[in-house]
Protein backbone atom coordinates (compact mmCIF):
# COMPACT_ATOMS: atom_id res chain seq x y z
CA UNK A 1 50.16 -128.04 -52.57
CA UNK A 2 52.59 -129.56 -50.35
CA UNK A 3 51.79 -131.58 -47.43
CA UNK A 4 54.58 -130.44 -44.62
CA UNK A 5 52.61 -131.80 -41.33
CA UNK A 6 50.81 -134.43 -41.11
CA UNK A 7 48.08 -135.29 -38.56
CA UNK A 8 47.20 -139.36 -38.23
CA UNK A 9 44.41 -140.01 -35.83
CA UNK A 10 45.66 -143.30 -34.79
CA UNK A 11 43.18 -146.09 -32.77
CA UNK A 12 44.76 -149.05 -32.95
CA UNK A 13 41.98 -150.85 -35.26
CA UNK A 14 42.35 -152.98 -38.04
CA UNK A 15 41.17 -149.11 -40.28
CA UNK A 16 43.82 -147.30 -38.20
CA UNK A 17 46.94 -149.70 -38.71
CA UNK A 18 46.51 -149.14 -42.41
CA UNK A 19 46.05 -145.23 -42.50
CA UNK A 20 49.33 -145.41 -40.42
CA UNK A 21 51.25 -147.29 -42.94
CA UNK A 22 49.69 -145.12 -45.87
CA UNK A 23 50.31 -142.16 -43.45
CA UNK A 24 54.27 -143.39 -43.12
CA UNK A 25 54.61 -143.86 -47.06
CA UNK A 26 53.23 -140.79 -47.65
CA UNK A 27 55.49 -138.60 -45.12
CA UNK A 28 58.42 -140.59 -45.93
CA UNK A 29 58.08 -139.33 -49.85
CA UNK A 30 56.96 -136.27 -48.87
CA UNK A 31 59.39 -135.83 -45.93
CA UNK A 32 56.91 -134.06 -43.53
CA UNK A 33 56.98 -133.71 -40.55
CA UNK A 34 54.20 -136.18 -38.64
CA UNK A 35 52.38 -136.25 -35.61
CA UNK A 36 49.71 -139.62 -34.20
CA UNK A 37 47.09 -138.90 -32.17
CA UNK A 38 45.09 -141.06 -29.97
CA UNK A 39 41.96 -140.32 -28.12
CA UNK A 40 40.77 -141.38 -25.11
CA UNK A 41 37.11 -140.80 -25.04
CA UNK A 42 34.34 -141.86 -22.41
CA UNK A 43 31.20 -143.21 -24.02
CA UNK A 44 28.44 -141.16 -22.65
CA UNK A 45 26.46 -144.21 -20.93
CA UNK A 46 29.98 -143.88 -18.48
CA UNK A 47 29.01 -140.29 -17.22
CA UNK A 48 27.24 -140.17 -14.17
CA UNK A 49 24.05 -138.15 -13.48
CA UNK A 50 26.14 -135.11 -12.99
CA UNK A 51 28.28 -134.99 -15.95
CA UNK A 52 30.94 -136.24 -14.11
CA UNK A 53 33.46 -139.65 -15.08
CA UNK A 54 34.86 -141.74 -11.98
CA UNK A 55 38.55 -140.69 -11.93
CA UNK A 56 39.14 -144.81 -12.08
CA UNK A 57 37.40 -145.18 -15.68
CA UNK A 58 39.03 -142.29 -17.24
CA UNK A 59 42.77 -143.12 -15.96
CA UNK A 60 42.04 -146.49 -17.16
CA UNK A 61 40.36 -145.66 -20.37
CA UNK A 62 43.64 -142.93 -20.94
CA UNK A 63 46.61 -145.57 -19.93
CA UNK A 64 44.34 -148.02 -22.87
CA UNK A 65 44.95 -145.26 -25.22
CA UNK A 66 48.57 -144.80 -24.43
CA UNK A 67 49.29 -148.18 -25.15
CA UNK A 68 47.77 -147.70 -28.22
CA UNK A 69 49.16 -144.31 -29.28
CA UNK A 70 52.72 -146.08 -28.33
CA UNK A 71 52.10 -149.19 -30.62
CA UNK A 72 51.52 -146.54 -33.26
CA UNK A 73 54.56 -144.71 -32.63
CA UNK A 74 56.78 -148.36 -32.05
CA UNK A 75 55.67 -149.52 -35.70
CA UNK A 76 56.91 -146.46 -37.05
CA UNK A 77 60.42 -146.50 -35.79
CA UNK A 78 60.08 -150.43 -36.58
CA UNK A 79 59.32 -149.37 -40.39
CA UNK A 80 62.71 -146.43 -39.64
CA UNK A 81 60.13 -143.39 -39.76
CA UNK A 82 59.62 -141.00 -36.49
CA UNK A 83 56.68 -139.11 -35.85
CA UNK A 84 55.57 -137.16 -32.51
CA UNK A 85 52.99 -138.87 -30.59
CA UNK A 86 50.17 -136.91 -28.88
CA UNK A 87 47.57 -138.19 -26.38
CA UNK A 88 44.17 -136.39 -25.91
CA UNK A 89 40.99 -136.70 -23.56
CA UNK A 90 37.83 -135.56 -25.00
CA UNK A 91 35.31 -136.22 -28.05
CA UNK A 92 37.87 -137.42 -31.03
CA UNK A 93 36.34 -135.09 -33.74
CA UNK A 94 37.01 -132.23 -31.29
CA UNK A 95 40.85 -133.07 -30.24
CA UNK A 96 41.62 -134.02 -34.06
CA UNK A 97 40.28 -130.47 -35.22
CA UNK A 98 42.04 -128.88 -32.20
CA UNK A 99 45.37 -130.45 -32.59
CA UNK A 100 45.46 -130.49 -36.19
CA UNK A 101 44.70 -126.31 -35.99
CA UNK A 102 47.46 -126.39 -33.20
CA UNK A 103 49.82 -127.69 -34.99
CA UNK A 104 48.92 -125.73 -38.11
CA UNK A 105 48.49 -129.55 -40.15
CA UNK A 106 48.10 -129.60 -43.93
CA UNK A 107 46.48 -133.30 -43.56
CA UNK A 108 44.72 -135.42 -41.24
CA UNK A 109 44.79 -139.47 -41.70
CA UNK A 110 41.87 -141.13 -40.63
CA UNK A 111 41.50 -145.10 -41.21
CA UNK A 112 38.05 -146.11 -42.80
CA UNK A 113 36.12 -149.61 -43.09
CA UNK A 114 33.06 -148.94 -45.72
CA UNK A 115 32.01 -152.46 -44.32
CA UNK A 116 31.66 -151.92 -41.17
CA UNK A 117 28.62 -149.87 -38.39
CA UNK A 118 31.78 -147.96 -37.64
CA UNK A 119 31.65 -146.18 -40.94
CA UNK A 120 28.67 -145.09 -39.73
CA UNK A 121 30.05 -143.11 -36.97
CA UNK A 122 32.58 -141.14 -38.77
CA UNK A 123 30.61 -140.13 -42.08
CA UNK A 124 27.03 -140.62 -41.54
CA UNK A 125 25.85 -139.03 -38.66
CA UNK A 126 26.76 -135.96 -36.84
CA UNK A 127 30.53 -136.79 -35.98
CA UNK A 128 31.35 -137.00 -39.51
CA UNK A 129 30.24 -133.83 -40.86
CA UNK A 130 31.93 -132.33 -38.06
CA UNK A 131 35.26 -133.91 -38.93
CA UNK A 132 34.29 -132.94 -42.65
CA UNK A 133 32.63 -129.24 -41.68
CA UNK A 134 35.19 -128.36 -39.13
CA UNK A 135 38.83 -129.68 -40.51
CA UNK A 136 41.04 -126.92 -40.80
CA UNK A 137 42.83 -128.70 -43.56
CA UNK A 138 42.57 -131.55 -46.17
CA UNK A 139 41.58 -134.98 -45.00
CA UNK A 140 42.98 -138.19 -46.44
CA UNK A 141 40.90 -141.59 -45.79
CA UNK A 142 42.48 -144.57 -45.82
CA UNK A 143 40.24 -147.15 -47.04
CA UNK A 144 40.21 -150.93 -45.26
CA UNK A 145 37.70 -153.30 -46.87
CA UNK A 146 36.91 -156.99 -44.93
């Protein structure tokens, strides 16, 4: 299968930066359209009793996430590569799948570190099952070991 549209779920972590480099190499080789997605999400502990997140906290998280997204786009541009950035607010897996469907993405790229507890979030719990179960396309996992 030829990958024409690639979506990188980028969070600015060491694993995310590794995935960014691998995604850029792959997209360059395939001459694929590339999209970077950063998701502003609020930990459940920040929700107030009525399921409401204070606007200031949400805006702060969106600004932080926009900075991460801008960093990823800048790194790609410094390497002579171009990508379209997307900022979403919500649950990361839901937003990754939503944008992948909307863009008709052929491949989703995510970073992963086998040696950290972050791994449990993506692959051993319901979030990982959701990404694997609901992704509308193939998934490339860029591994980073510490």
